Amino acid sequence: MSQPRSVRLVRDEFADRPSFDTAVSRALLIQASEGVIPETFRLNVPGRVVAFGKRDTLEPGYREAVAAAADQGFASVERLAGGRAAVFTEHTLAFSWTIPHRDPRRGIYPRFEALAGLMARTFRTLGVPATVGEIPGEYCPGDYSVHHGGRIKLMGVGQRLASAAAHVGGVVVVDRPDLIRDVLVPVYDRLGLDWDPATAGALTDVQPALSVETVAAALVGELGGSATLVDATIGDDTLALAERLAPEHEPAFS
């Protein structure tokens, strides 16, 4: 019988440094691609951030969208993995799954399926029926979003590849979906994007007693069912690389 694979679990948080936080996940991807670190799953509670995708930065209203986010008390970053603008708050869980692979393009869809399936199973164990797939009008739409009842989006995910590794990252909305709506309404307006604010939901819409702590524990438990988790911290070399990369994730205007 084969042994479960080993996965490093890191919980380091840099909520007060949004661009650096994004750069940490990028540094992990680079180091995984270089063979410096093994498979790593990062789970953390972020601060209030709007993460803009590459396509957002090319929109004529990008500068105004960043200003609109600031008006709502949100920092802005240029995100690591694609898609449209997504929102992180202290009532969400950010995740970053970094996987070394000699040919990462070959596993794009299986990785999406594995991550979305992991989240949906976790939500169900918490009493929240969940399904994988895009719902009409959702923000930052994607085929591997996780939703409840075809009505509210609970999790969004994106993926970025390096030469020999992949990063699968995104956000789980645990509570306070009003914060998501309040910032995305003006941000998406400035970007010229149509969406339905009613699709921005949270796990507590279904199970009000849930917290980021209980959801994180359930997610770690579910992940531990298919892998041997090894608690770890982000190394000094990774942090130093993130320091160098962080300015690249600050909003830039042409």
C-alpha atoms as a PDB file:
ATOM      1  CA  MET A   1       0.000   0.000   0.000  1.00  0.00           C
ATOM      2  CA  SER A   2       1.395   3.399  -0.988  1.00  0.00           C
ATOM      3  CA  GLN A   3       1.991   6.000   1.680  1.00  0.00           C
ATOM      4  CA  PRO A   4       0.072   9.308   1.600  1.00  0.00           C
ATOM      5  CA  ARG A   5       2.072  12.126   0.079  1.00  0.00           C
ATOM      6  CA  SER A   6       3.615  14.654   2.445  1.00  0.00           C
ATOM      7  CA  VAL A   7       2.469  18.287   2.273  1.00  0.00           C
ATOM      8  CA  ARG A   8       3.927  21.192   4.216  1.00  0.00           C
ATOM      9  CA  LEU A   9       1.221  23.226   5.958  1.00  0.00           C
ATOM     10  CA  VAL A  10       2.123  26.863   6.619  1.00  0.00           C
ATOM     11  CA  ARG A  11      -0.061  29.385   8.449  1.00  0.00           C
ATOM     12  CA  ASP A  12       2.156  32.494   8.419  1.00  0.00           C
ATOM     13  CA  GLU A  13       0.148  35.716   8.087  1.00  0.00           C
ATOM     14  CA  PHE A  14       1.105  39.178   6.822  1.00  0.00           C
ATOM     15  CA  ALA A  15      -2.279  40.875   6.903  1.00  0.00           C
ATOM     16  CA  ASP A  16      -0.765  44.322   7.413  1.00  0.00           C
ATOM     17  CA  ARG A  17       1.440  43.991   4.293  1.00  0.00           C
ATOM     18  CA  PRO A  18      -0.836  43.017   1.381  1.00  0.00           C
ATOM     19  CA  SER A  19       1.683  43.244  -1.455  1.00  0.00           C
ATOM     20  CA  PHE A  20       4.263  41.346   0.567  1.00  0.00           C
ATOM     21  CA  ASP A  21       1.651  38.711   1.423  1.00  0.00           C
ATOM     22  CA  THR A  22       0.993  38.166  -2.283  1.00  0.00           C
ATOM     23  CA  ALA A  23       4.732  38.095  -2.940  1.00  0.00           C
ATOM     24  CA  VAL A  24       5.195  35.346  -0.343  1.00  0.00           C
ATOM     25  CA  SER A  25       2.925  33.049  -2.331  1.00  0.00           C
ATOM     26  CA  ARG A  26       4.785  33.939  -5.526  1.00  0.00           C
ATOM     27  CA  ALA A  27       8.110  33.252  -3.816  1.00  0.00           C
ATOM     28  CA  LEU A  28       6.837  29.819  -2.779  1.00  0.00           C
ATOM     29  CA  LEU A  29       5.905  29.113  -6.404  1.00  0.00           C
ATOM     30  CA  ILE A  30       9.338  30.141  -7.649  1.00  0.00           C
ATOM     31  CA  GLN A  31      11.127  28.050  -5.041  1.00  0.00           C
ATOM     32  CA  ALA A  32       8.938  25.031  -5.719  1.00  0.00           C
ATOM     33  CA  SER A  33       9.750  25.349  -9.417  1.00  0.00           C
ATOM     34  CA  GLU A  34      13.465  25.491  -8.582  1.00  0.00           C
ATOM     35  CA  GLY A  35      13.238  22.391  -6.393  1.00  0.00           C
ATOM     36  CA  VAL A  36      14.001  24.319  -3.213  1.00  0.00           C
ATOM     37  CA  ILE A  37      10.743  23.480  -1.394  1.00  0.00           C
ATOM     38  CA  PRO A  38       8.287  20.565  -1.636  1.00  0.00           C
ATOM     39  CA  GLU A  39       4.501  20.670  -2.040  1.00  0.00           C
ATOM     40  CA  THR A  40       3.139  23.344   0.295  1.00  0.00           C
ATOM     41  CA  PHE A  41      -0.357  24.391   1.334  1.00  0.00           C
ATOM     42  CA  ARG A  42      -0.602  27.880   2.809  1.00  0.00           C
ATOM     43  CA  LEU A  43      -3.704  28.928   4.743  1.00  0.00           C
ATOM     44  CA  ASN A  44      -4.035  32.347   6.331  1.00  0.00           C
ATOM     45  CA  VAL A  45      -6.409  35.121   7.379  1.00  0.00           C
ATOM     46  CA  PRO A  46      -5.697  38.259   5.317  1.00  0.00           C
ATOM     47  CA  GLY A  47      -6.586  41.899   5.784  1.00  0.00           C
ATOM     48  CA  ARG A  48      -8.956  44.001   3.674  1.00  0.00           C
ATOM     49  CA  VAL A  49      -7.626  43.785   0.133  1.00  0.00           C
ATOM     50  CA  VAL A  50      -8.937  43.968  -3.411  1.00  0.00           C
ATOM     51  CA  ALA A  51      -6.797  41.707  -5.601  1.00  0.00           C
ATOM     52  CA  PHE A  52      -6.872  42.821  -9.234  1.00  0.00           C
ATOM     53  CA  GLY A  53      -6.208  40.484 -12.117  1.00  0.00           C
ATOM     54  CA  LYS A  54      -4.086  41.263 -15.168  1.00  0.00           C
ATOM     55  CA  ARG A  55      -7.149  42.055 -17.285  1.00  0.00           C
ATOM     56  CA  ASP A  56      -8.337  44.536 -14.663  1.00  0.00           C
ATOM     57  CA  THR A  57      -5.062  46.451 -14.848  1.00  0.00           C
ATOM     58  CA  LEU A  58      -5.614  47.006 -18.585  1.00  0.00           C
ATOM     59  CA  GLU A  59      -9.060  48.564 -18.131  1.00  0.00           C
ATOM     60  CA  PRO A  60      -9.335  52.354 -18.596  1.00  0.00           C
ATOM     61  CA  GLY A  61     -10.936  52.627 -15.151  1.00  0.00           C
ATOM     62  CA  TYR A  62      -8.261  50.715 -13.253  1.00  0.00           C
ATOM     63  CA  ARG A  63      -6.842  53.746 -11.447  1.00  0.00           C
ATOM     64  CA  GLU A  64     -10.357  54.814 -10.432  1.00  0.00           C
ATOM     65  CA  ALA A  65     -11.126  51.256  -9.262  1.00  0.00           C
ATOM     66  CA  VAL A  66      -8.077  51.299  -6.968  1.00  0.00           C
ATOM     67  CA  ALA A  67      -9.232  54.656  -5.600  1.00  0.00           C
ATOM     68  CA  ALA A  68     -12.747  53.285  -5.059  1.00  0.00           C
ATOM     69  CA  ALA A  69     -11.299  50.388  -3.071  1.00  0.00           C
ATOM     70  CA  ALA A  70      -9.303  52.803  -0.924  1.00  0.00           C
ATOM     71  CA  ASP A  71     -12.459  54.822  -0.256  1.00  0.00           C
ATOM     72  CA  GLN A  72     -13.944  51.658   1.291  1.00  0.00           C
ATOM     73  CA  GLY A  73     -10.836  51.051   3.428  1.00  0.00           C
ATOM     74  CA  PHE A  74      -9.317  48.353   1.196  1.00  0.00           C
ATOM     75  CA  ALA A  75      -5.738  48.106  -0.002  1.00  0.00           C
ATOM     76  CA  SER A  76      -5.137  46.983  -3.590  1.00  0.00           C
ATOM     77  CA  VAL A  77      -2.707  44.440  -5.011  1.00  0.00           C
ATOM     78  CA  GLU A  78      -2.040  42.934  -8.400  1.00  0.00           C
ATOM     79  CA  ARG A  79      -2.793  39.294  -7.886  1.00  0.00           C
ATOM     80  CA  LEU A  80      -0.697  36.238  -8.568  1.00  0.00           C
ATOM     81  CA  ALA A  81      -3.294  34.080 -10.336  1.00  0.00           C
ATOM     82  CA  GLY A  82      -5.627  35.298 -13.123  1.00  0.00           C
ATOM     83  CA  GLY A  83      -9.283  36.219 -13.087  1.00  0.00           C
ATOM     84  CA  ARG A  84     -11.043  39.452 -12.212  1.00  0.00           C
ATOM     85  CA  ALA A  85     -10.935  41.509  -9.019  1.00  0.00           C
ATOM     86  CA  ALA A  86     -11.535  39.451  -5.873  1.00  0.00           C
ATOM     87  CA  VAL A  87     -11.853  40.547  -2.264  1.00  0.00           C
ATOM     88  CA  PHE A  88     -10.150  39.425   0.929  1.00  0.00           C
ATOM     89  CA  THR A  89     -11.150  40.490   4.438  1.00  0.00           C
ATOM     90  CA  GLU A  90     -10.473  39.400   8.003  1.00  0.00           C
ATOM     91  CA  HIS A  91     -13.620  37.276   7.658  1.00  0.00           C
ATOM     92  CA  THR A  92     -12.162  35.197   4.816  1.00  0.00           C
ATOM     93  CA  LEU A  93      -9.539  32.492   4.444  1.00  0.00           C
ATOM     94  CA  ALA A  94      -6.838  32.873   1.821  1.00  0.00           C
ATOM     95  CA  PHE A  95      -5.246  29.697   0.478  1.00  0.00           C
ATOM     96  CA  SER A  96      -2.233  28.984  -1.695  1.00  0.00           C
ATOM     97  CA  TRP A  97      -1.433  25.448  -2.838  1.00  0.00           C
ATOM     98  CA  THR A  98       2.043  25.181  -4.383  1.00  0.00           C
ATOM     99  CA  ILE A  99       2.822  21.988  -6.275  1.00  0.00           C
ATOM    100  CA  PRO A 100       6.137  21.055  -7.923  1.00  0.00           C
ATOM    101  CA  HIS A 101       5.616  19.372 -11.319  1.00  0.00           C
ATOM    102  CA  ARG A 102       7.977  18.773 -14.227  1.00  0.00           C
ATOM    103  CA  ASP A 103       5.273  19.732 -16.732  1.00  0.00           C
ATOM    104  CA  PRO A 104       2.681  21.794 -14.854  1.00  0.00           C
ATOM    105  CA  ARG A 105       0.554  22.499 -17.933  1.00  0.00           C
ATOM    106  CA  ARG A 106      -0.490  18.866 -18.024  1.00  0.00           C
ATOM    107  CA  GLY A 107      -2.292  19.089 -14.692  1.00  0.00           C
ATOM    108  CA  ILE A 108      -4.128  22.420 -14.886  1.00  0.00           C
ATOM    109  CA  TYR A 109      -7.675  21.056 -14.827  1.00  0.00           C
ATOM    110  CA  PRO A 110      -7.054  18.153 -12.428  1.00  0.00           C
ATOM    111  CA  ARG A 111      -5.559  20.650  -9.939  1.00  0.00           C
ATOM    112  CA  PHE A 112      -8.597  22.907 -10.255  1.00  0.00           C
ATOM    113  CA  GLU A 113     -10.875  19.909  -9.760  1.00  0.00           C
ATOM    114  CA  ALA A 114      -8.928  18.664  -6.750  1.00  0.00           C
ATOM    115  CA  LEU A 115      -8.958  22.047  -5.013  1.00  0.00           C
ATOM    116  CA  ALA A 116     -12.610  22.803  -5.726  1.00  0.00           C
ATOM    117  CA  GLY A 117     -13.564  19.298  -4.614  1.00  0.00           C
ATOM    118  CA  LEU A 118     -11.593  19.716  -1.382  1.00  0.00           C
ATOM    119  CA  MET A 119     -13.438  22.946  -0.605  1.00  0.00           C
ATOM    120  CA  ALA A 120     -16.879  21.596  -1.462  1.00  0.00           C
ATOM    121  CA  ARG A 121     -16.359  18.532   0.750  1.00  0.00           C
ATOM    122  CA  THR A 122     -15.150  20.723   3.594  1.00  0.00           C
ATOM    123  CA  PHE A 123     -18.179  22.996   3.365  1.00  0.00           C
ATOM    124  CA  ARG A 124     -20.500  19.991   3.400  1.00  0.00           C
ATOM    125  CA  THR A 125     -18.890  18.669   6.579  1.00  0.00           C
ATOM    126  CA  LEU A 126     -19.746  22.040   8.128  1.00  0.00           C
ATOM    127  CA  GLY A 127     -23.387  21.719   7.150  1.00  0.00           C
ATOM    128  CA  VAL A 128     -23.223  23.913   4.052  1.00  0.00           C
ATOM    129  CA  PRO A 129     -24.377  22.114   0.873  1.00  0.00           C
ATOM    130  CA  ALA A 130     -21.900  23.129  -1.809  1.00  0.00           C
ATOM    131  CA  THR A 131     -21.453  22.571  -5.536  1.00  0.00           C
ATOM    132  CA  VAL A 132     -18.586  23.275  -7.932  1.00  0.00           C
ATOM    133  CA  GLY A 133     -19.307  25.574 -10.874  1.00  0.00           C
ATOM    134  CA  GLU A 134     -19.932  29.125 -12.008  1.00  0.00           C
ATOM    135  CA  ILE A 135     -23.258  30.784 -11.183  1.00  0.00           C
ATOM    136  CA  PRO A 136     -24.809  33.549 -13.310  1.00  0.00           C
ATOM    137  CA  GLY A 137     -23.691  37.017 -12.340  1.00  0.00           C
ATOM    138  CA  GLU A 138     -20.946  35.995  -9.907  1.00  0.00           C
ATOM    139  CA  TYR A 139     -17.944  38.235  -9.307  1.00  0.00           C
ATOM    140  CA  CYS A 140     -14.590  36.977 -10.582  1.00  0.00           C
ATOM    141  CA  PRO A 141     -16.409  34.197 -12.474  1.00  0.00           C
ATOM    142  CA  GLY A 142     -14.865  30.763 -12.944  1.00  0.00           C
ATOM    143  CA  ASP A 143     -15.804  27.175 -13.750  1.00  0.00           C
ATOM    144  CA  TYR A 144     -14.264  26.016 -10.471  1.00  0.00           C
ATOM    145  CA  SER A 145     -15.959  28.430  -8.102  1.00  0.00           C
ATOM    146  CA  VAL A 146     -17.843  26.758  -5.239  1.00  0.00           C
ATOM    147  CA  HIS A 147     -21.387  27.908  -4.567  1.00  0.00           C
ATOM    148  CA  HIS A 148     -24.414  27.169  -2.436  1.00  0.00           C
ATOM    149  CA  GLY A 149     -27.705  26.383  -4.132  1.00  0.00           C
ATOM    150  CA  GLY A 150     -26.784  28.117  -7.364  1.00  0.00           C
ATOM    151  CA  ARG A 151     -27.313  31.405  -5.538  1.00  0.00           C
ATOM    152  CA  ILE A 152     -24.223  32.526  -3.609  1.00  0.00           C
ATOM    153  CA  LYS A 153     -20.542  32.163  -4.329  1.00  0.00           C
ATOM    154  CA  LEU A 154     -18.495  30.854  -1.399  1.00  0.00           C
ATOM    155  CA  MET A 155     -15.048  30.234  -2.886  1.00  0.00           C
ATOM    156  CA  GLY A 156     -13.073  31.496  -5.847  1.00  0.00           C
ATOM    157  CA  VAL A 157      -9.840  30.080  -7.236  1.00  0.00           C
ATOM    158  CA  GLY A 158      -7.171  30.870  -9.810  1.00  0.00           C
ATOM    159  CA  GLN A 159      -4.000  29.195 -11.021  1.00  0.00           C
ATOM    160  CA  ARG A 160      -0.557  30.355 -12.099  1.00  0.00           C
ATOM    161  CA  LEU A 161       2.234  28.253 -13.559  1.00  0.00           C
ATOM    162  CA  ALA A 162       6.003  28.422 -13.324  1.00  0.00           C
ATOM    163  CA  SER A 163       8.349  26.303 -15.419  1.00  0.00           C
ATOM    164  CA  ALA A 164       8.213  23.370 -12.987  1.00  0.00           C
ATOM    165  CA  ALA A 165       5.451  24.128 -10.474  1.00  0.00           C
ATOM    166  CA  ALA A 166       1.903  25.401 -10.127  1.00  0.00           C
ATOM    167  CA  HIS A 167       0.152  27.741  -7.709  1.00  0.00           C
ATOM    168  CA  VAL A 168      -3.566  27.256  -7.024  1.00  0.00           C
ATOM    169  CA  GLY A 169      -4.839  30.073  -4.843  1.00  0.00           C
ATOM    170  CA  GLY A 170      -7.943  31.948  -3.862  1.00  0.00           C
ATOM    171  CA  VAL A 171     -10.366  32.867  -1.116  1.00  0.00           C
ATOM    172  CA  VAL A 172     -13.101  31.330   1.021  1.00  0.00           C
ATOM    173  CA  VAL A 173     -15.716  33.789   2.285  1.00  0.00           C
ATOM    174  CA  VAL A 174     -16.641  32.731   5.814  1.00  0.00           C
ATOM    175  CA  ASP A 175     -18.570  35.772   7.088  1.00  0.00           C
ATOM    176  CA  ARG A 176     -19.559  39.405   6.379  1.00  0.00           C
ATOM    177  CA  PRO A 177     -20.431  39.165   2.676  1.00  0.00           C
ATOM    178  CA  ASP A 178     -21.654  42.747   2.967  1.00  0.00           C
ATOM    179  CA  LEU A 179     -18.024  43.834   2.984  1.00  0.00           C
ATOM    180  CA  ILE A 180     -17.505  42.055  -0.330  1.00  0.00           C
ATOM    181  CA  ARG A 181     -20.530  43.705  -1.885  1.00  0.00           C
ATOM    182  CA  ASP A 182     -19.808  47.186  -0.527  1.00  0.00           C
ATOM    183  CA  VAL A 183     -16.361  47.355  -2.105  1.00  0.00           C
ATOM    184  CA  LEU A 184     -17.040  45.437  -5.320  1.00  0.00           C
ATOM    185  CA  VAL A 185     -20.036  47.526  -6.366  1.00  0.00           C
ATOM    186  CA  PRO A 186     -17.940  50.678  -6.943  1.00  0.00           C
ATOM    187  CA  VAL A 187     -14.828  48.742  -8.039  1.00  0.00           C
ATOM    188  CA  TYR A 188     -16.648  46.747 -10.719  1.00  0.00           C
ATOM    189  CA  ASP A 189     -18.476  49.887 -11.811  1.00  0.00           C
ATOM    190  CA  ARG A 190     -15.135  51.636 -12.425  1.00  0.00           C
ATOM    191  CA  LEU A 191     -13.861  48.588 -14.307  1.00  0.00           C
ATOM    192  CA  GLY A 192     -16.998  48.434 -16.445  1.00  0.00           C
ATOM    193  CA  LEU A 193     -17.897  44.927 -15.291  1.00  0.00           C
ATOM    194  CA  ASP A 194     -21.440  43.623 -14.905  1.00  0.00           C
ATOM    195  CA  TRP A 195     -22.285  41.358 -11.982  1.00  0.00           C
ATOM    196  CA  ASP A 196     -25.054  40.603  -9.515  1.00  0.00           C
ATOM    197  CA  PRO A 197     -24.178  41.676  -5.959  1.00  0.00           C
ATOM    198  CA  ALA A 198     -26.655  39.134  -4.593  1.00  0.00           C
ATOM    199  CA  THR A 199     -24.237  36.366  -5.631  1.00  0.00           C
ATOM    200  CA  ALA A 200     -21.653  37.525  -3.058  1.00  0.00           C
ATOM    201  CA  GLY A 201     -22.337  35.239  -0.116  1.00  0.00           C
ATOM    202  CA  ALA A 202     -20.659  33.574   2.843  1.00  0.00           C
ATOM    203  CA  LEU A 203     -20.734  30.287   4.711  1.00  0.00           C
ATOM    204  CA  THR A 204     -22.493  32.016   7.609  1.00  0.00           C
ATOM    205  CA  ASP A 205     -25.438  32.749   5.312  1.00  0.00           C
ATOM    206  CA  VAL A 206     -26.166  29.034   5.691  1.00  0.00           C
ATOM    207  CA  GLN A 207     -24.545  28.194   9.049  1.00  0.00           C
ATOM    208  CA  PRO A 208     -24.367  31.413  11.145  1.00  0.00           C
ATOM    209  CA  ALA A 209     -22.220  29.910  13.926  1.00  0.00           C
ATOM    210  CA  LEU A 210     -19.214  29.287  11.674  1.00  0.00           C
ATOM    211  CA  SER A 211     -15.978  31.240  12.112  1.00  0.00           C
ATOM    212  CA  VAL A 212     -12.696  31.461  10.235  1.00  0.00           C
ATOM    213  CA  GLU A 213     -11.169  29.253  12.938  1.00  0.00           C
ATOM    214  CA  THR A 214     -13.743  26.467  12.613  1.00  0.00           C
ATOM    215  CA  VAL A 215     -13.601  26.550   8.826  1.00  0.00           C
ATOM    216  CA  ALA A 216      -9.799  26.480   8.806  1.00  0.00           C
ATOM    217  CA  ALA A 217      -9.789  23.495  11.168  1.00  0.00           C
ATOM    218  CA  ALA A 218     -12.267  21.633   8.968  1.00  0.00           C
ATOM    219  CA  LEU A 219     -10.254  22.384   5.838  1.00  0.00           C
ATOM    220  CA  VAL A 220      -7.031  21.158   7.420  1.00  0.00           C
ATOM    221  CA  GLY A 221      -8.839  18.025   8.579  1.00  0.00           C
ATOM    222  CA  GLU A 222     -10.165  17.337   5.095  1.00  0.00           C
ATOM    223  CA  LEU A 223      -6.769  17.909   3.497  1.00  0.00           C
ATOM    224  CA  GLY A 224      -5.201  15.615   6.065  1.00  0.00           C
ATOM    225  CA  GLY A 225      -7.438  12.808   4.859  1.00  0.00           C
ATOM    226  CA  SER A 226      -5.460  12.511   1.628  1.00  0.00           C
ATOM    227  CA  ALA A 227      -1.995  13.703   2.666  1.00  0.00           C
ATOM    228  CA  THR A 228       0.372  13.670   5.602  1.00  0.00           C
ATOM    229  CA  LEU A 229       0.504  17.269   6.773  1.00  0.00           C
ATOM    230  CA  VAL A 230       3.748  18.620   8.178  1.00  0.00           C
ATOM    231  CA  ASP A 231       3.496  21.888  10.095  1.00  0.00           C
ATOM    232  CA  ALA A 232       6.073  24.375   8.856  1.00  0.00           C
ATOM    233  CA  THR A 233       6.889  28.059   8.713  1.00  0.00           C
ATOM    234  CA  ILE A 234       8.012  30.146   5.779  1.00  0.00           C
ATOM    235  CA  GLY A 235      11.794  30.199   5.615  1.00  0.00           C
ATOM    236  CA  ASP A 236      14.078  33.213   5.645  1.00  0.00           C
ATOM    237  CA  ASP A 237      15.091  32.659   2.016  1.00  0.00           C
ATOM    238  CA  THR A 238      11.442  32.736   0.961  1.00  0.00           C
ATOM    239  CA  LEU A 239      10.802  35.902   2.956  1.00  0.00           C
ATOM    240  CA  ALA A 240      13.858  37.607   1.457  1.00  0.00           C
ATOM    241  CA  LEU A 241      12.702  36.741  -2.051  1.00  0.00           C
ATOM    242  CA  ALA A 242       9.216  38.036  -1.225  1.00  0.00           C
ATOM    243  CA  GLU A 243      10.715  41.349  -0.109  1.00  0.00           C
ATOM    244  CA  ARG A 244      12.258  41.749  -3.542  1.00  0.00           C
ATOM    245  CA  LEU A 245       9.074  40.756  -5.352  1.00  0.00           C
ATOM    246  CA  ALA A 246       6.578  42.768  -3.294  1.00  0.00           C
ATOM    247  CA  PRO A 247       6.879  46.042  -5.267  1.00  0.00           C
ATOM    248  CA  GLU A 248       5.775  44.177  -8.407  1.00  0.00           C
ATOM    249  CA  HIS A 249       2.412  43.500  -6.780  1.00  0.00           C
ATOM    250  CA  GLU A 250       1.701  47.130  -5.917  1.00  0.00           C
ATOM    251  CA  PRO A 251      -0.837  48.781  -8.262  1.00  0.00           C
ATOM    252  CA  ALA A 252       0.965  50.321 -11.237  1.00  0.00           C
ATOM    253  CA  PHE A 253      -0.525  52.817 -13.670  1.00  0.00           C
ATOM    254  CA  SER A 254       0.736  53.556 -17.156  1.00  0.00           C
END
